Every structure is written in C-alpha cells, then in structure tokens.
C-alpha cells in the first residue's frame, strides 16, 4: 500500500514495523549464535547451517532494500519478490529443525508450527495481492488464477497443521483462529473471483482491514504454538534427565552387588535385580518402538515436502519456470490426474534419468 500510493499511505506504520522487525532480527541472530554446532545436528547439520547462512545473507541486505523502498525505486510486486527469499529461508530453518528432531512429540509440534507459519505467510501474500487488485479497481483472469492459487496453498498448509497440531490449540476444530474475519475475507474473495475484470476500489480498505484482523489472530496462535513447543522441549529434557538418573541408580546398585557382595547376601544376580533389569529393558524397548512408529508418520510428511521441493527445482531448471510457476504446474497436474501432490512430484522426478544434466 505504501508503494502503490507513492508513499502517501502507511508511511508511519511502515517505519514502525521496520523498527519492530529490526528488534526481532537481533533476537534471531542471537538465537543463531547460541545454536549447538557439534554432533547434536550431525544428521542434517550441513543443510540446517546452509539455511542459516542464506538467512543471514538476506538479513544483511535488508537495510539497502528498505532504503530503495523509501526512495520509491520498486513497485509493490518487485518489493514482495525481493522479500520472498528471506521469508522462504526463515521458514526453511524451521523445516530443517523439524527434520532433525528425533522425539516424535517435538517433531509433530515443529511440523505443525512450520505449516502454520507458512500458511500465515501465504495469508500475508494474499492480503498484499488483494489490496493491490482492489485499489487498482481491476483484475485479470491470470490474476484471479493466482489468487485462487494463494488460497489453495494456504488451505493445504492449514490442513497439514490441523493434522499434526495438539487438538487443544485448534479453536472450534478450525485451523483459522478468527472465524469472523475469515468470513469477511471469503466474502471479498468471492467478489474478486466472480468479477469480469472490474473491482470496487472502495473495498480495498475493507479487504486490508479484515485480512489484517485474520493475520493478527493467526500471529497470536503462532506465538502460542511456539510457547507450547518450548514448554514441550523443556519437559522432555527434564524427563530425559530423570530417566538417566534412575538408570544410573539401578546400574550403580547392579555394580555394587556384583563387585562386593556382603556375607550372607543374595547372589549378585538374584531374581530381584534380574526383574529390575528386565523391566528396564522392556520399558525402553516399548518406548523406542512407540517413538519409532510415531516418528515414521511425522517423517512421511517431511519427506513429501522434500519430494515436492525437488520436483519444483527440476521444473525450474528444465522449463525455465519461476518457483511459483513450478508449484502451480505440479498442483494442476495433481488436480487433472486426481492424484496426491507428492505422487505427482515423484513421477516428475522419475523423469530425471532421461533429462540431460538433471542430476
């Protein structure tokens, strides 16, 4: 809106938002500095830290980008495209963290958070796109298709979030926390979708207001998801310490009886100790089996996303598509063939063997 109005609107709000983002940026940089770089991330450490490096590079470029926006050197679409790599990189850091987690509860929470964050980002992109369209008073058929793509992509993210999220955190069973705002957003979506090209420019402010109300509600839920994730991690760490302490006590008792049995005492490997050790081993085996089963289900969701990302990259390389165009193409193929997006992505990747240079 600031760019489309040539700086006449949202100037003060934009400056305040930039200051708030700069403060959040310092928190992110400090968190990256505290990250453990040893064997804890050995599984996918290179990918995770590559994502972090890309984010830091994009953050370093923010002051120059903001200066260009103040000077009105970019239009609204160009500015959105300039911010996209940073936002995508930040989301990928969360994805790689989810991919590295080995505790199924933590993995589920991370997958839910990641998909909700991505859905919220797409809601922001829709707000910007719709604001431009309503303010301009017109929309093209290709613009309507792009709008539908943003809506469908949001819904896919929110559906995945709902599948992995704690049911207590889904208000009224819906992934959208502000139902009233969503009703108004959907009403304006239908107006734009059914338009033959002309839009009422007076609806621009209403669109922006209702979208902002919806996104504010999503941000509140996102903060709650992050808080619950932190509490879950702290609880799991405390539980691990308790289990380790109990196992050490049992091991010390075992060693004590085996090395220095008292006169008249039971044999060092008596029934009581054998039952304790057997119980410990059985409990560990049950826990590992349950964790493995649940972790497998979570990994399936992450692996499907990797397939889609790889297929997008293949289409971008061999058809000179943008990332957005590649994803739309995969979605359209999935709809035409009535197949899952991951299955279509796998079929596209199977062509890599016959495409020169695809590897």
Protein backbone atom coordinates (compact mmCIF):
# COMPACT_ATOMS: atom_id res chain seq x y z
CA UNK A 1 0.00 0.00 0.00
CA UNK A 2 2.87 2.38 0.81
CA UNK A 3 4.45 1.79 -2.61
CA UNK A 4 1.20 1.75 -4.56
CA UNK A 5 0.21 5.11 -3.04
CA UNK A 6 3.66 6.58 -3.83
CA UNK A 7 4.37 6.96 -0.12
CA UNK A 8 1.16 8.78 0.76
CA UNK A 9 -0.30 5.99 2.90
CA UNK A 10 1.10 3.75 5.65
CA UNK A 11 4.35 5.70 5.88
CA UNK A 12 4.35 5.92 9.70
CA UNK A 13 3.15 2.32 10.06
CA UNK A 14 5.85 1.07 7.70
CA UNK A 15 8.59 2.86 9.66
CA UNK A 16 7.29 1.47 12.97
CA UNK A 17 7.08 -2.03 11.51
CA UNK A 18 10.65 -1.78 10.24
CA UNK A 19 11.85 -0.91 13.76
CA UNK A 20 9.92 -3.85 15.24
CA UNK A 21 11.39 -6.17 12.60
CA UNK A 22 14.90 -4.90 13.34
CA UNK A 23 14.44 -5.78 17.03
CA UNK A 24 13.15 -9.24 16.10
CA UNK A 25 16.10 -9.65 13.75
CA UNK A 26 18.54 -9.16 16.62
CA UNK A 27 16.75 -11.91 18.57
CA UNK A 28 17.03 -14.25 15.59
CA UNK A 29 20.74 -13.50 15.15
CA UNK A 30 21.35 -14.10 18.86
CA UNK A 31 19.48 -17.42 18.66
CA UNK A 32 21.61 -18.50 15.70
CA UNK A 33 24.75 -17.67 17.70
CA UNK A 34 23.61 -19.96 20.52
CA UNK A 35 22.97 -22.94 18.25
CA UNK A 36 24.91 -26.09 19.00
CA UNK A 37 27.28 -26.83 16.12
CA UNK A 38 28.57 -30.23 17.28
CA UNK A 39 27.20 -33.72 16.90
CA UNK A 40 23.67 -32.85 18.03
CA UNK A 41 22.91 -31.72 14.47
CA UNK A 42 25.04 -34.31 12.71
CA UNK A 43 22.03 -35.80 10.89
CA UNK A 44 21.30 -32.76 8.73
CA UNK A 45 23.74 -30.19 10.09
CA UNK A 46 25.05 -29.11 6.70
CA UNK A 47 21.55 -28.37 5.37
CA UNK A 48 20.49 -26.56 8.53
CA UNK A 49 23.53 -24.31 8.68
CA UNK A 50 23.35 -23.65 4.94
CA UNK A 51 19.82 -22.34 5.51
CA UNK A 52 21.05 -20.20 8.39
CA UNK A 53 23.84 -18.77 6.21
CA UNK A 54 21.34 -17.85 3.48
CA UNK A 55 19.10 -16.15 6.03
CA UNK A 56 21.98 -14.13 7.47
CA UNK A 57 22.98 -13.04 3.97
CA UNK A 58 19.40 -11.91 3.25
CA UNK A 59 19.19 -10.09 6.58
CA UNK A 60 22.39 -8.21 5.76
CA UNK A 61 20.70 -6.94 2.59
CA UNK A 62 17.60 -5.61 4.37
CA UNK A 63 18.83 -2.03 5.08
CA UNK A 64 19.59 -1.44 1.40
CA UNK A 65 16.25 -2.95 0.36
CA UNK A 66 14.35 -0.73 2.81
CA UNK A 67 16.22 2.33 1.56
CA UNK A 68 15.15 1.56 -2.01
CA UNK A 69 11.54 1.24 -0.84
CA UNK A 70 11.71 4.64 0.90
CA UNK A 71 13.03 6.15 -2.33
CA UNK A 72 10.15 4.51 -4.25
CA UNK A 73 12.60 2.67 -6.55
CA UNK A 74 10.50 -0.51 -6.53
CA UNK A 75 6.86 -1.20 -7.25
CA UNK A 76 4.73 -3.33 -4.93
CA UNK A 77 5.24 -6.58 -6.85
CA UNK A 78 9.01 -6.07 -7.05
CA UNK A 79 9.21 -5.36 -3.33
CA UNK A 80 7.26 -8.51 -2.49
CA UNK A 81 9.56 -10.55 -4.72
CA UNK A 82 12.60 -9.01 -3.01
CA UNK A 83 11.41 -10.11 0.44
CA UNK A 84 10.38 -13.62 -0.66
CA UNK A 85 13.86 -15.27 -0.43
CA UNK A 86 14.31 -14.07 3.16
CA UNK A 87 10.88 -15.28 4.25
CA UNK A 88 11.38 -18.62 2.48
CA UNK A 89 14.80 -19.00 4.12
CA UNK A 90 13.41 -18.37 7.59
CA UNK A 91 10.70 -20.97 7.02
CA UNK A 92 13.30 -23.45 5.77
CA UNK A 93 15.26 -23.09 9.02
CA UNK A 94 12.15 -24.26 10.89
CA UNK A 95 11.68 -27.10 8.40
CA UNK A 96 15.26 -28.33 8.84
CA UNK A 97 14.85 -28.19 12.63
CA UNK A 98 11.76 -30.39 12.31
CA UNK A 99 13.67 -32.76 10.05
CA UNK A 100 16.45 -33.05 12.65
CA UNK A 101 14.23 -33.70 15.68
CA UNK A 102 14.22 -37.29 16.94
CA UNK A 103 11.49 -37.00 19.58
CA UNK A 104 8.11 -37.66 17.92
CA UNK A 105 6.21 -35.16 20.09
CA UNK A 106 8.71 -32.44 19.30
CA UNK A 107 8.68 -33.38 15.61
CA UNK A 108 4.89 -33.17 15.46
CA UNK A 109 4.91 -29.78 17.18
CA UNK A 110 7.57 -28.48 14.78
CA UNK A 111 5.74 -29.77 11.70
CA UNK A 112 2.52 -28.14 12.92
CA UNK A 113 4.31 -24.86 13.64
CA UNK A 114 6.14 -24.87 10.30
CA UNK A 115 2.97 -25.41 8.27
CA UNK A 116 1.04 -22.82 10.25
CA UNK A 117 3.83 -20.26 9.76
CA UNK A 118 3.84 -20.97 6.04
CA UNK A 119 0.05 -20.63 5.89
CA UNK A 120 0.26 -17.28 7.69
CA UNK A 121 2.92 -16.06 5.27
CA UNK A 122 0.69 -17.02 2.32
CA UNK A 123 -2.17 -15.14 4.01
CA UNK A 124 0.10 -12.09 4.06
CA UNK A 125 0.86 -12.53 0.37
CA UNK A 126 -2.86 -12.77 -0.35
CA UNK A 127 -3.52 -9.59 1.64
CA UNK A 128 -0.91 -7.72 -0.42
CA UNK A 129 -2.14 -9.10 -3.74
CA UNK A 130 -5.80 -8.40 -2.98
CA UNK A 131 -5.03 -4.90 -1.73
CA UNK A 132 -3.29 -4.10 -5.00
CA UNK A 133 -6.13 -5.56 -7.07
CA UNK A 134 -8.93 -3.77 -5.21
CA UNK A 135 -7.02 -0.48 -5.11
CA UNK A 136 -6.43 -0.69 -8.86
CA UNK A 137 -10.13 -1.42 -9.43
CA UNK A 138 -9.46 -4.28 -11.81
CA UNK A 139 -8.23 -7.86 -12.00
CA UNK A 140 -7.23 -10.05 -14.93
CA UNK A 141 -8.11 -13.76 -15.40
CA UNK A 142 -4.48 -14.66 -14.68
CA UNK A 143 -4.68 -12.56 -11.53
CA UNK A 144 -7.79 -14.46 -10.44
CA UNK A 145 -5.97 -17.75 -11.01
CA UNK A 146 -3.01 -16.56 -8.95
CA UNK A 147 -5.40 -15.51 -6.17
CA UNK A 148 -7.00 -18.96 -6.20
CA UNK A 149 -3.53 -20.50 -6.03
CA UNK A 150 -2.73 -18.45 -2.89
CA UNK A 151 -6.00 -19.56 -1.26
CA UNK A 152 -5.46 -23.25 -2.13
CA UNK A 153 -1.86 -23.15 -0.91
CA UNK A 154 -2.94 -21.63 2.40
CA UNK A 155 -5.59 -24.31 2.87
CA UNK A 156 -3.08 -27.08 2.17
CA UNK A 157 -0.74 -25.69 4.85
CA UNK A 158 -3.55 -25.26 7.38
CA UNK A 159 -4.83 -28.79 6.71
CA UNK A 160 -1.38 -30.22 7.45
CA UNK A 161 -1.17 -28.04 10.56
CA UNK A 162 -4.53 -29.38 11.75
CA UNK A 163 -3.37 -32.97 11.20
CA UNK A 164 -0.29 -32.56 13.44
CA UNK A 165 -1.36 -29.91 15.93
CA UNK A 166 -2.48 -30.51 19.51
CA UNK A 167 -6.33 -30.55 19.29
CA UNK A 168 -6.49 -28.10 22.19
CA UNK A 169 -4.86 -25.44 20.01
CA UNK A 170 -7.43 -25.66 17.19
CA UNK A 171 -10.27 -23.26 18.13
CA UNK A 172 -13.63 -24.90 17.44
CA UNK A 173 -11.81 -27.52 15.40
CA UNK A 174 -10.85 -24.91 12.75
CA UNK A 175 -7.26 -24.03 11.84
CA UNK A 176 -8.26 -20.35 11.40
CA UNK A 177 -8.44 -18.76 14.86
CA UNK A 178 -10.58 -15.73 13.88
CA UNK A 179 -13.71 -17.15 12.24
CA UNK A 180 -15.45 -13.77 11.87
CA UNK A 181 -12.51 -12.26 9.99
CA UNK A 182 -12.31 -15.34 7.75
CA UNK A 183 -16.00 -14.99 6.84
CA UNK A 184 -15.41 -11.42 5.65
CA UNK A 185 -12.23 -12.41 3.80
CA UNK A 186 -14.08 -15.21 1.99
CA UNK A 187 -16.90 -12.80 1.05
CA UNK A 188 -14.42 -10.46 -0.62
CA UNK A 189 -12.63 -13.41 -2.23
CA UNK A 190 -15.89 -14.41 -3.92
CA UNK A 191 -16.41 -10.87 -5.18
CA UNK A 192 -12.96 -10.86 -6.78
CA UNK A 193 -13.32 -14.40 -8.17
CA UNK A 194 -16.68 -13.68 -9.82
CA UNK A 195 -15.62 -10.34 -11.25
CA UNK A 196 -15.41 -9.90 -15.01
CA UNK A 197 -12.45 -7.59 -14.58
CA UNK A 198 -13.76 -4.57 -12.69
CA UNK A 199 -13.46 -4.29 -8.88
CA UNK A 200 -14.82 -1.70 -6.47
CA UNK A 201 -11.78 0.30 -5.33
CA UNK A 202 -13.68 1.33 -2.20
CA UNK A 203 -13.37 -2.26 -0.97
CA UNK A 204 -9.57 -2.02 -0.73
CA UNK A 205 -9.55 -0.70 2.83
CA UNK A 206 -12.12 -3.26 3.98
CA UNK A 207 -10.10 -6.07 2.40
CA UNK A 208 -6.91 -4.92 4.10
CA UNK A 209 -8.67 -4.49 7.46
CA UNK A 210 -10.29 -7.93 7.50
CA UNK A 211 -7.11 -9.65 6.28
CA UNK A 212 -5.09 -7.89 8.96
CA UNK A 213 -7.60 -8.96 11.62
CA UNK A 214 -7.28 -12.53 10.41
CA UNK A 215 -3.46 -12.43 10.31
CA UNK A 216 -3.32 -10.88 13.80
CA UNK A 217 -5.37 -13.82 15.06
CA UNK A 218 -3.02 -16.24 13.31
CA UNK A 219 0.01 -14.48 14.83
CA UNK A 220 -1.45 -14.90 18.33
CA UNK A 221 -1.90 -18.63 17.69
CA UNK A 222 1.61 -18.86 16.21
CA UNK A 223 3.04 -17.34 19.39
CA UNK A 224 1.08 -19.88 21.46
CA UNK A 225 2.39 -22.72 19.29
CA UNK A 226 5.97 -21.52 19.81
CA UNK A 227 5.42 -21.25 23.58
CA UNK A 228 3.94 -24.76 23.77
CA UNK A 229 6.87 -26.10 21.72
CA UNK A 230 9.36 -24.55 24.13
CA UNK A 231 7.47 -25.96 27.13
CA UNK A 232 7.37 -29.39 25.48
CA UNK A 233 11.12 -29.34 24.85
CA UNK A 234 11.83 -28.32 28.46
CA UNK A 235 9.53 -31.07 29.73
CA UNK A 236 11.15 -33.71 27.52
CA UNK A 237 14.63 -32.63 28.59
CA UNK A 238 13.63 -32.86 32.27
CA UNK A 239 12.09 -36.29 31.64
CA UNK A 240 15.27 -37.47 29.94
CA UNK A 241 17.35 -36.31 32.92
CA UNK A 242 15.03 -38.16 35.32
CA UNK A 243 15.22 -41.36 33.28
CA UNK A 244 19.00 -41.12 33.08
CA UNK A 245 19.25 -40.63 36.84
CA UNK A 246 17.02 -43.67 37.52
CA UNK A 247 19.08 -45.81 35.17
CA UNK A 248 22.31 -44.71 36.83
CA UNK A 249 20.93 -45.61 40.27
CA UNK A 250 19.99 -49.08 39.03
CA UNK A 251 23.37 -49.53 37.33
CA UNK A 252 25.24 -48.48 40.47
CA UNK A 253 23.22 -50.97 42.52
CA UNK A 254 24.00 -53.67 39.99
CA UNK A 255 27.73 -52.89 40.09
CA UNK A 256 27.76 -52.71 43.87
CA UNK A 257 26.22 -56.15 44.34
CA UNK A 258 28.37 -57.70 41.62
CA UNK A 259 31.69 -56.38 42.96
CA UNK A 260 31.33 -56.58 46.73
CA UNK A 261 28.58 -58.91 47.94
CA UNK A 262 28.08 -58.85 51.70
CA UNK A 263 28.36 -62.14 53.69
CA UNK A 264 25.05 -63.96 53.61
CA UNK A 265 23.64 -61.61 50.94
CA UNK A 266 21.70 -62.83 47.95
CA UNK A 267 23.74 -63.79 44.89
CA UNK A 268 24.80 -60.73 42.87
CA UNK A 269 22.50 -61.67 40.03
CA UNK A 270 19.46 -62.55 42.11
CA UNK A 271 15.81 -62.59 40.97
CA UNK A 272 15.08 -59.08 42.29
CA UNK A 273 17.86 -57.46 40.30
CA UNK A 274 17.10 -59.57 37.24
CA UNK A 275 13.47 -58.39 37.31
CA UNK A 276 14.60 -54.77 37.65
CA UNK A 277 16.95 -55.02 34.68
CA UNK A 278 14.39 -56.92 32.60
CA UNK A 279 11.71 -54.34 33.43
CA UNK A 280 14.06 -51.53 32.45
CA UNK A 281 14.95 -53.16 29.12
CA UNK A 282 11.31 -53.95 28.30
CA UNK A 283 10.20 -50.41 29.09
CA UNK A 284 12.96 -48.96 26.94
CA UNK A 285 12.03 -51.30 24.08
CA UNK A 286 8.34 -50.29 24.28
CA UNK A 287 9.23 -46.62 24.37
CA UNK A 288 11.60 -46.89 21.41
CA UNK A 289 9.01 -48.81 19.37
CA UNK A 290 6.30 -46.23 20.07
CA UNK A 291 8.66 -43.37 19.26
CA UNK A 292 9.76 -45.07 16.07
CA UNK A 293 6.17 -45.61 14.87
CA UNK A 294 5.13 -42.02 15.56
CA UNK A 295 8.32 -40.56 14.17
CA UNK A 296 7.77 -42.53 10.96
CA UNK A 297 4.38 -40.85 10.49
CA UNK A 298 5.87 -37.40 11.02
CA UNK A 299 8.79 -38.11 8.70
CA UNK A 300 6.35 -39.06 5.94
CA UNK A 301 5.00 -35.50 5.90
CA UNK A 302 8.50 -34.02 5.80
CA UNK A 303 9.61 -36.42 3.06
CA UNK A 304 6.60 -35.49 0.93
CA UNK A 305 7.58 -31.84 1.14
CA UNK A 306 11.13 -32.72 0.09
CA UNK A 307 9.76 -34.54 -2.96
CA UNK A 308 7.72 -31.50 -3.96
CA UNK A 309 10.70 -29.17 -3.48
CA UNK A 310 12.93 -31.39 -5.62
CA UNK A 311 10.28 -31.65 -8.35
CA UNK A 312 9.87 -27.87 -8.33
CA UNK A 313 13.62 -27.49 -8.77
CA UNK A 314 13.60 -29.88 -11.71
CA UNK A 315 10.82 -27.96 -13.46
CA UNK A 316 12.53 -24.64 -12.77
CA UNK A 317 15.79 -25.91 -14.28
CA UNK A 318 14.39 -27.59 -17.39
CA UNK A 319 11.39 -25.42 -18.22
CA UNK A 320 12.81 -22.08 -17.07
CA UNK A 321 9.90 -21.64 -14.66
CA UNK A 322 9.77 -19.50 -11.56
CA UNK A 323 9.27 -21.30 -8.24
CA UNK A 324 5.65 -20.16 -8.12
CA UNK A 325 5.01 -21.35 -11.68
CA UNK A 326 6.60 -24.73 -10.96
CA UNK A 327 4.42 -25.28 -7.90
CA UNK A 328 1.28 -24.25 -9.80
CA UNK A 329 2.20 -26.69 -12.55
CA UNK A 330 2.56 -29.56 -10.07
CA UNK A 331 -0.75 -28.69 -8.41
CA UNK A 332 -2.52 -28.53 -11.75
CA UNK A 333 -1.13 -31.95 -12.77
CA UNK A 334 -2.26 -33.40 -9.44
CA UNK A 335 -5.79 -32.00 -9.94
CA UNK A 336 -6.02 -33.17 -13.55
CA UNK A 337 -4.88 -36.69 -12.67
CA UNK A 338 -6.76 -36.83 -9.35
CA UNK A 339 -3.54 -37.81 -7.57
CA UNK A 340 -1.71 -36.64 -4.48
CA UNK A 341 0.78 -33.82 -4.98
CA UNK A 342 3.61 -35.96 -3.59
CA UNK A 343 2.81 -38.76 -6.07
CA UNK A 344 2.92 -36.33 -8.99
CA UNK A 345 6.22 -34.93 -7.69
CA UNK A 346 7.65 -38.44 -7.55
CA UNK A 347 6.54 -39.08 -11.14
CA UNK A 348 8.20 -35.85 -12.28
CA UNK A 349 11.43 -36.82 -10.51
CA UNK A 350 11.37 -40.20 -12.22
CA UNK A 351 11.97 -38.33 -15.47
CA UNK A 352 15.31 -37.10 -14.14
CA UNK A 353 17.04 -40.17 -15.53
CA UNK A 354 16.18 -39.25 -19.11
CA UNK A 355 16.71 -35.50 -18.86
CA UNK A 356 20.27 -34.34 -19.70
CA UNK A 357 22.01 -32.73 -16.77
CA UNK A 358 19.12 -33.36 -14.38
CA UNK A 359 21.34 -34.92 -11.78
